[in-house]
């Protein structure tokens, strides 16, 4: 059984179906709206992505969240480092160029 609430699952499902170029910040804002400001924030979003990855579901959402975060900051938050390293090693050279931070 999933550790994720139905609200989080709904947001993950919504983002998994998207085809636009959204970034981690868009996901964080939508999760915060869905959960309410008292419960949804960037930390909640990161842990939602970690749990989604553990469940092996929502692979496109996990990938875009983690890699867009990496591209924005040039590194990954501690909670996402293992996921980022795994994703990065599976990218083509062209994909690595796309996700590489501008400063590198």
PDB file of N, CA and C in Angstrom:
ATOM      1  N   UNK A   1       0.840  -1.193   0.000  1.00  0.00           N
ATOM      2  CA  UNK A   1       0.000   0.000   0.000  1.00  0.00           C
ATOM      3  C   UNK A   1       0.878   1.247   0.000  1.00  0.00           C
ATOM      4  N   UNK A   2       0.451   2.229  -0.722  1.00  0.00           N
ATOM      5  CA  UNK A   2       1.197   3.468  -0.875  1.00  0.00           C
ATOM      6  C   UNK A   2       1.213   4.274   0.421  1.00  0.00           C
ATOM      7  N   UNK A   3       2.346   4.917   0.670  1.00  0.00           N
ATOM      8  CA  UNK A   3       2.462   5.840   1.798  1.00  0.00           C
ATOM      9  C   UNK A   3       1.976   7.235   1.403  1.00  0.00           C
ATOM     10  N   UNK A   4       1.686   7.404   0.124  1.00  0.00           N
ATOM     11  CA  UNK A   4       1.271   8.707  -0.377  1.00  0.00           C
ATOM     12  C   UNK A   4      -0.224   8.929  -0.180  1.00  0.00           C
ATOM     13  N   UNK A   5      -0.569  10.150   0.183  1.00  0.00           N
ATOM     14  CA  UNK A   5      -1.980  10.508   0.319  1.00  0.00           C
ATOM     15  C   UNK A   5      -2.638  10.568  -1.059  1.00  0.00           C
ATOM     16  N   UNK A   6      -3.938  10.511  -1.073  1.00  0.00           N
ATOM     17  CA  UNK A   6      -4.663  10.596  -2.334  1.00  0.00           C
ATOM     18  C   UNK A   6      -4.410  11.937  -3.017  1.00  0.00           C
ATOM     19  N   UNK A   7      -4.263  12.990  -2.242  1.00  0.00           N
ATOM     20  CA  UNK A   7      -3.981  14.313  -2.807  1.00  0.00           C
ATOM     21  C   UNK A   7      -2.645  14.292  -3.555  1.00  0.00           C
ATOM     22  N   UNK A   8      -1.623  13.713  -2.953  1.00  0.00           N
ATOM     23  CA  UNK A   8      -0.309  13.627  -3.601  1.00  0.00           C
ATOM     24  C   UNK A   8      -0.391  12.752  -4.847  1.00  0.00           C
ATOM     25  N   UNK A   9      -1.095  11.643  -4.760  1.00  0.00           N
ATOM     26  CA  UNK A   9      -1.261  10.747  -5.911  1.00  0.00           C
ATOM     27  C   UNK A   9      -1.948  11.479  -7.050  1.00  0.00           C
ATOM     28  N   UNK A  10      -2.966  12.260  -6.737  1.00  0.00           N
ATOM     29  CA  UNK A  10      -3.672  13.023  -7.770  1.00  0.00           C
ATOM     30  C   UNK A  10      -2.733  13.997  -8.479  1.00  0.00           C
ATOM     31  N   UNK A  11      -1.904  14.692  -7.712  1.00  0.00           N
ATOM     32  CA  UNK A  11      -0.961  15.642  -8.311  1.00  0.00           C
ATOM     33  C   UNK A  11       0.079  14.887  -9.142  1.00  0.00           C
ATOM     34  N   UNK A  12       0.599  13.784  -8.619  1.00  0.00           N
ATOM     35  CA  UNK A  12       1.558  12.984  -9.386  1.00  0.00           C
ATOM     36  C   UNK A  12       0.944  12.486 -10.692  1.00  0.00           C
ATOM     37  N   UNK A  13      -0.283  12.015 -10.633  1.00  0.00           N
ATOM     38  CA  UNK A  13      -0.970  11.558 -11.847  1.00  0.00           C
ATOM     39  C   UNK A  13      -1.128  12.685 -12.852  1.00  0.00           C
ATOM     40  N   UNK A  14      -1.491  13.858 -12.350  1.00  0.00           N
ATOM     41  CA  UNK A  14      -1.654  15.031 -13.222  1.00  0.00           C
ATOM     42  C   UNK A  14      -0.348  15.354 -13.940  1.00  0.00           C
ATOM     43  N   UNK A  15       0.748  15.365 -13.205  1.00  0.00           N
ATOM     44  CA  UNK A  15       2.036  15.712 -13.808  1.00  0.00           C
ATOM     45  C   UNK A  15       2.567  14.599 -14.706  1.00  0.00           C
ATOM     46  N   UNK A  16       2.281  13.368 -14.392  1.00  0.00           N
ATOM     47  CA  UNK A  16       2.719  12.259 -15.247  1.00  0.00           C
ATOM     48  C   UNK A  16       2.066  12.355 -16.618  1.00  0.00           C
ATOM     49  N   UNK A  17       0.865  12.910 -16.681  1.00  0.00           N
ATOM     50  CA  UNK A  17       0.133  13.027 -17.943  1.00  0.00           C
ATOM     51  C   UNK A  17       0.517  14.276 -18.742  1.00  0.00           C
ATOM     52  N   UNK A  18       1.228  15.192 -18.139  1.00  0.00           N
ATOM     53  CA  UNK A  18       1.573  16.443 -18.825  1.00  0.00           C
ATOM     54  C   UNK A  18       2.623  16.215 -19.889  1.00  0.00           C
ATOM     55  N   UNK A  19       2.561  17.034 -20.936  1.00  0.00           N
ATOM     56  CA  UNK A  19       3.538  16.945 -22.015  1.00  0.00           C
ATOM     57  C   UNK A  19       4.309  18.248 -22.212  1.00  0.00           C
ATOM     58  N   UNK A  20       4.044  19.239 -21.372  1.00  0.00           N
ATOM     59  CA  UNK A  20       4.738  20.515 -21.495  1.00  0.00           C
ATOM     60  C   UNK A  20       6.077  20.464 -20.762  1.00  0.00           C
ATOM     61  N   UNK A  21       6.804  21.549 -20.807  1.00  0.00           N
ATOM     62  CA  UNK A  21       8.145  21.637 -20.222  1.00  0.00           C
ATOM     63  C   UNK A  21       8.101  22.210 -18.798  1.00  0.00           C
ATOM     64  N   UNK A  22       7.353  21.595 -17.905  1.00  0.00           N
ATOM     65  CA  UNK A  22       7.247  22.097 -16.544  1.00  0.00           C
ATOM     66  C   UNK A  22       8.545  21.833 -15.777  1.00  0.00           C
ATOM     67  N   UNK A  23       8.722  22.573 -14.688  1.00  0.00           N
ATOM     68  CA  UNK A  23       9.905  22.399 -13.841  1.00  0.00           C
ATOM     69  C   UNK A  23       9.474  22.068 -12.414  1.00  0.00           C
ATOM     70  N   UNK A  24      10.455  21.789 -11.584  1.00  0.00           N
ATOM     71  CA  UNK A  24      10.199  21.410 -10.195  1.00  0.00           C
ATOM     72  C   UNK A  24       9.371  22.458  -9.458  1.00  0.00           C
ATOM     73  N   UNK A  25       9.580  23.728  -9.749  1.00  0.00           N
ATOM     74  CA  UNK A  25       8.838  24.797  -9.080  1.00  0.00           C
ATOM     75  C   UNK A  25       7.347  24.753  -9.388  1.00  0.00           C
ATOM     76  N   UNK A  26       7.006  24.394 -10.595  1.00  0.00           N
ATOM     77  CA  UNK A  26       5.599  24.275 -10.976  1.00  0.00           C
ATOM     78  C   UNK A  26       4.959  23.129 -10.186  1.00  0.00           C
ATOM     79  N   UNK A  27       5.667  22.016 -10.084  1.00  0.00           N
ATOM     80  CA  UNK A  27       5.164  20.886  -9.302  1.00  0.00           C
ATOM     81  C   UNK A  27       4.964  21.308  -7.843  1.00  0.00           C
ATOM     82  N   UNK A  28       5.961  21.975  -7.274  1.00  0.00           N
ATOM     83  CA  UNK A  28       5.866  22.410  -5.879  1.00  0.00           C
ATOM     84  C   UNK A  28       4.656  23.323  -5.664  1.00  0.00           C
ATOM     85  N   UNK A  29       4.439  24.257  -6.578  1.00  0.00           N
ATOM     86  CA  UNK A  29       3.298  25.163  -6.451  1.00  0.00           C
ATOM     87  C   UNK A  29       1.972  24.423  -6.530  1.00  0.00           C
ATOM     88  N   UNK A  30       1.870  23.479  -7.450  1.00  0.00           N
ATOM     89  CA  UNK A  30       0.616  22.728  -7.597  1.00  0.00           C
ATOM     90  C   UNK A  30       0.355  21.832  -6.390  1.00  0.00           C
ATOM     91  N   UNK A  31       1.391  21.206  -5.869  1.00  0.00           N
ATOM     92  CA  UNK A  31       1.215  20.372  -4.686  1.00  0.00           C
ATOM     93  C   UNK A  31       0.814  21.235  -3.487  1.00  0.00           C
ATOM     94  N   UNK A  32       1.426  22.396  -3.374  1.00  0.00           N
ATOM     95  CA  UNK A  32       1.076  23.310  -2.278  1.00  0.00           C
ATOM     96  C   UNK A  32      -0.377  23.757  -2.393  1.00  0.00           C
ATOM     97  N   UNK A  33      -0.819  24.073  -3.603  1.00  0.00           N
ATOM     98  CA  UNK A  33      -2.222  24.460  -3.799  1.00  0.00           C
ATOM     99  C   UNK A  33      -3.152  23.312  -3.415  1.00  0.00           C
ATOM    100  N   UNK A  34      -2.803  22.118  -3.820  1.00  0.00           N
ATOM    101  CA  UNK A  34      -3.658  20.959  -3.550  1.00  0.00           C
ATOM    102  C   UNK A  34      -3.700  20.614  -2.067  1.00  0.00           C
ATOM    103  N   UNK A  35      -2.588  20.796  -1.371  1.00  0.00           N
ATOM    104  CA  UNK A  35      -2.515  20.409   0.034  1.00  0.00           C
ATOM    105  C   UNK A  35      -2.829  21.553   0.988  1.00  0.00           C
ATOM    106  N   UNK A  36      -2.715  22.759   0.510  1.00  0.00           N
ATOM    107  CA  UNK A  36      -2.860  23.921   1.381  1.00  0.00           C
ATOM    108  C   UNK A  36      -1.494  24.370   1.857  1.00  0.00           C
ATOM    109  N   UNK A  37      -1.327  25.656   2.029  1.00  0.00           N
ATOM    110  CA  UNK A  37      -0.012  26.218   2.369  1.00  0.00           C
ATOM    111  C   UNK A  37       0.567  25.675   3.667  1.00  0.00           C
ATOM    112  N   UNK A  38      -0.273  25.260   4.589  1.00  0.00           N
ATOM    113  CA  UNK A  38       0.228  24.751   5.862  1.00  0.00           C
ATOM    114  C   UNK A  38       0.888  23.385   5.722  1.00  0.00           C
ATOM    115  N   UNK A  39       0.548  22.659   4.654  1.00  0.00           N
ATOM    116  CA  UNK A  39       1.036  21.289   4.516  1.00  0.00           C
ATOM    117  C   UNK A  39       1.948  21.082   3.320  1.00  0.00           C
ATOM    118  N   UNK A  40       1.804  21.866   2.294  1.00  0.00           N
ATOM    119  CA  UNK A  40       2.584  21.658   1.079  1.00  0.00           C
ATOM    120  C   UNK A  40       3.674  22.694   0.929  1.00  0.00           C
ATOM    121  N   UNK A  41       4.913  22.250   0.811  1.00  0.00           N
ATOM    122  CA  UNK A  41       6.034  23.141   0.563  1.00  0.00           C
ATOM    123  C   UNK A  41       7.097  22.372  -0.212  1.00  0.00           C
ATOM    124  N   UNK A  42       8.245  23.001  -0.435  1.00  0.00           N
ATOM    125  CA  UNK A  42       9.280  22.340  -1.234  1.00  0.00           C
ATOM    126  C   UNK A  42       9.758  21.053  -0.585  1.00  0.00           C
ATOM    127  N   UNK A  43       9.801  21.004   0.734  1.00  0.00           N
ATOM    128  CA  UNK A  43      10.234  19.784   1.422  1.00  0.00           C
ATOM    129  C   UNK A  43       9.205  18.663   1.212  1.00  0.00           C
ATOM    130  N   UNK A  44       7.951  18.998   1.293  1.00  0.00           N
ATOM    131  CA  UNK A  44       6.893  18.025   1.028  1.00  0.00           C
ATOM    132  C   UNK A  44       7.011  17.505  -0.398  1.00  0.00           C
ATOM    133  N   UNK A  45       7.301  18.392  -1.331  1.00  0.00           N
ATOM    134  CA  UNK A  45       7.450  17.992  -2.726  1.00  0.00           C
ATOM    135  C   UNK A  45       8.616  17.034  -2.904  1.00  0.00           C
ATOM    136  N   UNK A  46       9.757  17.358  -2.314  1.00  0.00           N
ATOM    137  CA  UNK A  46      10.919  16.469  -2.437  1.00  0.00           C
ATOM    138  C   UNK A  46      10.611  15.088  -1.881  1.00  0.00           C
ATOM    139  N   UNK A  47       9.973  15.033  -0.732  1.00  0.00           N
ATOM    140  CA  UNK A  47       9.685  13.738  -0.126  1.00  0.00           C
ATOM    141  C   UNK A  47       8.614  12.984  -0.921  1.00  0.00           C
ATOM    142  N   UNK A  48       7.718  13.705  -1.556  1.00  0.00           N
ATOM    143  CA  UNK A  48       6.725  13.075  -2.435  1.00  0.00           C
ATOM    144  C   UNK A  48       7.424  12.428  -3.620  1.00  0.00           C
ATOM    145  N   UNK A  49       8.395  13.116  -4.189  1.00  0.00           N
ATOM    146  CA  UNK A  49       9.154  12.577  -5.318  1.00  0.00           C
ATOM    147  C   UNK A  49       9.978  11.365  -4.880  1.00  0.00           C
ATOM    148  N   UNK A  50      10.582  11.428  -3.712  1.00  0.00           N
ATOM    149  CA  UNK A  50      11.352  10.288  -3.200  1.00  0.00           C
ATOM    150  C   UNK A  50      10.442   9.071  -3.043  1.00  0.00           C
ATOM    151  N   UNK A  51       9.273   9.269  -2.467  1.00  0.00           N
ATOM    152  CA  UNK A  51       8.340   8.163  -2.266  1.00  0.00           C
ATOM    153  C   UNK A  51       7.816   7.639  -3.609  1.00  0.00           C
ATOM    154  N   UNK A  52       7.535   8.532  -4.539  1.00  0.00           N
ATOM    155  CA  UNK A  52       7.081   8.112  -5.869  1.00  0.00           C
ATOM    156  C   UNK A  52       8.144   7.252  -6.541  1.00  0.00           C
ATOM    157  N   UNK A  53       9.401   7.642  -6.383  1.00  0.00           N
ATOM    158  CA  UNK A  53      10.498   6.867  -6.961  1.00  0.00           C
ATOM    159  C   UNK A  53      10.602   5.498  -6.294  1.00  0.00           C
ATOM    160  N   UNK A  54      10.479   5.461  -4.978  1.00  0.00           N
ATOM    161  CA  UNK A  54      10.526   4.177  -4.256  1.00  0.00           C
ATOM    162  C   UNK A  54       9.438   3.231  -4.727  1.00  0.00           C
ATOM    163  N   UNK A  55       8.283   3.783  -5.039  1.00  0.00           N
ATOM    164  CA  UNK A  55       7.163   2.963  -5.509  1.00  0.00           C
ATOM    165  C   UNK A  55       7.330   2.546  -6.966  1.00  0.00           C
ATOM    166  N   UNK A  56       8.277   3.182  -7.669  1.00  0.00           N
ATOM    167  CA  UNK A  56       8.502   2.856  -9.064  1.00  0.00           C
ATOM    168  C   UNK A  56       7.404   3.344  -9.985  1.00  0.00           C
ATOM    169  N   UNK A  57       6.687   4.342  -9.536  1.00  0.00           N
ATOM    170  CA  UNK A  57       5.587   4.903 -10.307  1.00  0.00           C
ATOM    171  C   UNK A  57       5.947   6.333 -10.700  1.00  0.00           C
ATOM    172  N   UNK A  58       5.202   6.875 -11.649  1.00  0.00           N
ATOM    173  CA  UNK A  58       5.378   8.264 -12.086  1.00  0.00           C
ATOM    174  C   UNK A  58       6.819   8.567 -12.527  1.00  0.00           C
ATOM    175  N   UNK A  59       7.403   7.721 -13.373  1.00  0.00           N
ATOM    176  CA  UNK A  59       8.811   7.911 -13.749  1.00  0.00           C
ATOM    177  C   UNK A  59       9.093   9.224 -14.470  1.00  0.00           C
ATOM    178  N   UNK A  60       8.179   9.690 -15.299  1.00  0.00           N
ATOM    179  CA  UNK A  60       8.404  10.952 -16.005  1.00  0.00           C
ATOM    180  C   UNK A  60       8.378  12.135 -15.047  1.00  0.00           C
ATOM    181  N   UNK A  61       7.503  12.072 -14.071  1.00  0.00           N
ATOM    182  CA  UNK A  61       7.399  13.141 -13.081  1.00  0.00           C
ATOM    183  C   UNK A  61       8.646  13.175 -12.211  1.00  0.00           C
ATOM    184  N   UNK A  62       9.071  12.016 -11.747  1.00  0.00           N
ATOM    185  CA  UNK A  62      10.290  11.934 -10.928  1.00  0.00           C
ATOM    186  C   UNK A  62      11.472  12.490 -11.718  1.00  0.00           C
ATOM    187  N   UNK A  63      11.621  12.033 -12.947  1.00  0.00           N
ATOM    188  CA  UNK A  63      12.755  12.457 -13.779  1.00  0.00           C
ATOM    189  C   UNK A  63      12.750  13.960 -13.997  1.00  0.00           C
ATOM    190  N   UNK A  64      11.627  14.525 -14.419  1.00  0.00           N
ATOM    191  CA  UNK A  64      11.581  15.957 -14.719  1.00  0.00           C
ATOM    192  C   UNK A  64      11.782  16.787 -13.451  1.00  0.00           C
ATOM    193  N   UNK A  65      11.179  16.377 -12.335  1.00  0.00           N
ATOM    194  CA  UNK A  65      11.351  17.125 -11.084  1.00  0.00           C
ATOM    195  C   UNK A  65      12.831  17.152 -10.691  1.00  0.00           C
ATOM    196  N   UNK A  66      13.449  15.972 -10.641  1.00  0.00           N
ATOM    197  CA  UNK A  66      14.836  15.863 -10.167  1.00  0.00           C
ATOM    198  C   UNK A  66      15.793  16.590 -11.107  1.00  0.00           C
ATOM    199  N   UNK A  67      15.660  16.365 -12.409  1.00  0.00           N
ATOM    200  CA  UNK A  67      16.603  16.962 -13.349  1.00  0.00           C
ATOM    201  C   UNK A  67      16.389  18.465 -13.527  1.00  0.00           C
ATOM    202  N   UNK A  68      15.163  18.940 -13.453  1.00  0.00           N
ATOM    203  CA  UNK A  68      14.955  20.390 -13.550  1.00  0.00           C
ATOM    204  C   UNK A  68      15.485  21.088 -12.298  1.00  0.00           C
ATOM    205  N   UNK A  69      15.409  20.419 -11.155  1.00  0.00           N
ATOM    206  CA  UNK A  69      15.988  20.955  -9.931  1.00  0.00           C
ATOM    207  C   UNK A  69      17.512  21.016 -10.065  1.00  0.00           C
ATOM    208  N   UNK A  70      18.092  19.949 -10.581  1.00  0.00           N
ATOM    209  CA  UNK A  70      19.544  19.909 -10.785  1.00  0.00           C
ATOM    210  C   UNK A  70      19.998  21.006 -11.744  1.00  0.00           C
ATOM    211  N   UNK A  71      19.266  21.162 -12.846  1.00  0.00           N
ATOM    212  CA  UNK A  71      19.629  22.182 -13.834  1.00  0.00           C
ATOM    213  C   UNK A  71      19.556  23.578 -13.222  1.00  0.00           C
ATOM    214  N   UNK A  72      18.582  23.825 -12.378  1.00  0.00           N
ATOM    215  CA  UNK A  72      18.407  25.153 -11.780  1.00  0.00           C
ATOM    216  C   UNK A  72      19.504  25.502 -10.781  1.00  0.00           C
ATOM    217  N   UNK A  73      19.940  24.520  -9.993  1.00  0.00           N
ATOM    218  CA  UNK A  73      20.865  24.801  -8.896  1.00  0.00           C
ATOM    219  C   UNK A  73      22.284  24.284  -9.110  1.00  0.00           C
ATOM    220  N   UNK A  74      22.476  23.392 -10.087  1.00  0.00           N
ATOM    221  CA  UNK A  74      23.810  22.848 -10.329  1.00  0.00           C
ATOM    222  C   UNK A  74      24.181  21.714  -9.404  1.00  0.00           C
ATOM    223  N   UNK A  75      23.249  21.332  -8.562  1.00  0.00           N
ATOM    224  CA  UNK A  75      23.434  20.180  -7.683  1.00  0.00           C
ATOM    225  C   UNK A  75      22.061  19.700  -7.252  1.00  0.00           C
ATOM    226  N   UNK A  76      22.049  18.625  -6.502  1.00  0.00           N
ATOM    227  CA  UNK A  76      20.765  18.084  -6.038  1.00  0.00           C
ATOM    228  C   UNK A  76      20.699  18.153  -4.523  1.00  0.00           C
ATOM    229  N   UNK A  77      19.508  18.395  -3.980  1.00  0.00           N
ATOM    230  CA  UNK A  77      19.368  18.327  -2.524  1.00  0.00           C
ATOM    231  C   UNK A  77      19.687  16.909  -2.063  1.00  0.00           C
ATOM    232  N   UNK A  78      20.144  16.790  -0.846  1.00  0.00           N
ATOM    233  CA  UNK A  78      20.563  15.495  -0.302  1.00  0.00           C
ATOM    234  C   UNK A  78      19.556  14.384  -0.507  1.00  0.00           C
ATOM    235  N   UNK A  79      18.280  14.707  -0.379  1.00  0.00           N
ATOM    236  CA  UNK A  79      17.238  13.686  -0.515  1.00  0.00           C
ATOM    237  C   UNK A  79      17.153  13.137  -1.939  1.00  0.00           C
ATOM    238  N   UNK A  80      17.648  13.902  -2.911  1.00  0.00           N
ATOM    239  CA  UNK A  80      17.493  13.526  -4.310  1.00  0.00           C
ATOM    240  C   UNK A  80      18.787  13.081  -4.990  1.00  0.00           C
ATOM    241  N   UNK A  81      19.910  13.109  -4.280  1.00  0.00           N
ATOM    242  CA  UNK A  81      21.211  12.820  -4.891  1.00  0.00           C
ATOM    243  C   UNK A  81      21.244  11.432  -5.525  1.00  0.00           C
ATOM    244  N   UNK A  82      20.814  10.411  -4.810  1.00  0.00           N
ATOM    245  CA  UNK A  82      20.866   9.050  -5.364  1.00  0.00           C
ATOM    246  C   UNK A  82      19.987   8.919  -6.600  1.00  0.00           C
ATOM    247  N   UNK A  83      18.811   9.511  -6.547  1.00  0.00           N
ATOM    248  CA  UNK A  83      17.910   9.461  -7.698  1.00  0.00           C
ATOM    249  C   UNK A  83      18.546  10.194  -8.873  1.00  0.00           C
ATOM    250  N   UNK A  84      19.098  11.367  -8.615  1.00  0.00           N
ATOM    251  CA  UNK A  84      19.721  12.163  -9.672  1.00  0.00           C
ATOM    252  C   UNK A  84      20.886  11.401 -10.302  1.00  0.00           C
ATOM    253  N   UNK A  85      21.737  10.813  -9.493  1.00  0.00           N
ATOM    254  CA  UNK A  85      22.877  10.055 -10.025  1.00  0.00           C
ATOM    255  C   UNK A  85      22.409   8.895 -10.895  1.00  0.00           C
ATOM    256  N   UNK A  86      21.395   8.195 -10.451  1.00  0.00           N
ATOM    257  CA  UNK A  86      20.869   7.074 -11.230  1.00  0.00           C
ATOM    258  C   UNK A  86      20.283   7.557 -12.549  1.00  0.00           C
ATOM    259  N   UNK A  87      19.493   8.629 -12.489  1.00  0.00           N
ATOM    260  CA  UNK A  87      18.894   9.173 -13.707  1.00  0.00           C
ATOM    261  C   UNK A  87      19.969   9.685 -14.665  1.00  0.00           C
ATOM    262  N   UNK A  88      20.940  10.412 -14.128  1.00  0.00           N
ATOM    263  CA  UNK A  88      21.990  11.010 -14.956  1.00  0.00           C
ATOM    264  C   UNK A  88      22.752   9.940 -15.727  1.00  0.00           C
ATOM    265  N   UNK A  89      23.048   8.835 -15.055  1.00  0.00           N
ATOM    266  CA  UNK A  89      23.818   7.773 -15.712  1.00  0.00           C
ATOM    267  C   UNK A  89      23.031   7.089 -16.825  1.00  0.00           C
ATOM    268  N   UNK A  90      21.720   7.249 -16.831  1.00  0.00           N
ATOM    269  CA  UNK A  90      20.904   6.618 -17.875  1.00  0.00           C
ATOM    270  C   UNK A  90      20.601   7.561 -19.046  1.00  0.00           C
ATOM    271  N   UNK A  91      21.028   8.814 -18.936  1.00  0.00           N
ATOM    272  CA  UNK A  91      20.741   9.791 -19.985  1.00  0.00           C
ATOM    273  C   UNK A  91      21.706   9.643 -21.157  1.00  0.00           C
ATOM    274  N   UNK A  92      21.217   9.977 -22.340  1.00  0.00           N
ATOM    275  CA  UNK A  92      22.089  10.058 -23.502  1.00  0.00           C
ATOM    276  C   UNK A  92      22.945  11.317 -23.364  1.00  0.00           C
ATOM    277  N   UNK A  93      23.963  11.419 -24.186  1.00  0.00           N
ATOM    278  CA  UNK A  93      24.818  12.612 -24.165  1.00  0.00           C
ATOM    279  C   UNK A  93      24.008  13.870 -24.487  1.00  0.00           C
ATOM    280  N   UNK A  94      23.083  13.748 -25.420  1.00  0.00           N
ATOM    281  CA  UNK A  94      22.225  14.880 -25.790  1.00  0.00           C
ATOM    282  C   UNK A  94      21.340  15.292 -24.604  1.00  0.00           C
ATOM    283  N   UNK A  95      20.774  14.319 -23.910  1.00  0.00           N
ATOM    284  CA  UNK A  95      19.947  14.628 -22.738  1.00  0.00           C
ATOM    285  C   UNK A  95      20.785  15.264 -21.634  1.00  0.00           C
ATOM    286  N   UNK A  96      22.008  14.800 -21.435  1.00  0.00           N
ATOM    287  CA  UNK A  96      22.881  15.403 -20.433  1.00  0.00           C
ATOM    288  C   UNK A  96      23.178  16.860 -20.766  1.00  0.00           C
ATOM    289  N   UNK A  97      23.376  17.145 -22.042  1.00  0.00           N
ATOM    290  CA  UNK A  97      23.591  18.542 -22.454  1.00  0.00           C
ATOM    291  C   UNK A  97      22.371  19.397 -22.141  1.00  0.00           C
ATOM    292  N   UNK A  98      21.192  18.856 -22.363  1.00  0.00           N
ATOM    293  CA  UNK A  98      19.959  19.590 -22.095  1.00  0.00           C
ATOM    294  C   UNK A  98      19.804  19.892 -20.600  1.00  0.00           C
ATOM    295  N   UNK A  99      20.062  18.903 -19.752  1.00  0.00           N
ATOM    296  CA  UNK A  99      19.830  19.060 -18.322  1.00  0.00           C
ATOM    297  C   UNK A  99      20.995  19.673 -17.566  1.00  0.00           C
ATOM    298  N   UNK A 100      22.121  19.805 -18.220  1.00  0.00           N
ATOM    299  CA  UNK A 100      23.307  20.360 -17.562  1.00  0.00           C
ATOM    300  C   UNK A 100      23.042  21.808 -17.166  1.00  0.00           C
ATOM    301  N   UNK A 101      23.428  22.184 -15.953  1.00  0.00           N
ATOM    302  CA  UNK A 101      23.263  23.589 -15.543  1.00  0.00           C
ATOM    303  C   UNK A 101      24.026  24.515 -16.479  1.00  0.00           C
ATOM    304  N   UNK A 102      23.511  25.688 -16.700  1.00  0.00           N
ATOM    305  CA  UNK A 102      24.117  26.655 -17.620  1.00  0.00           C
ATOM    306  C   UNK A 102      25.529  27.038 -17.214  1.00  0.00           C
ATOM    307  N   UNK A 103      25.821  26.970 -15.928  1.00  0.00           N
ATOM    308  CA  UNK A 103      27.131  27.413 -15.426  1.00  0.00           C
ATOM    309  C   UNK A 103      28.231  26.381 -15.662  1.00  0.00           C
ATOM    310  N   UNK A 104      27.892  25.207 -16.190  1.00  0.00           N
ATOM    311  CA  UNK A 104      28.913  24.170 -16.375  1.00  0.00           C
ATOM    312  C   UNK A 104      29.348  24.061 -17.797  1.00  0.00           C
TER     313      UNK A 104
END
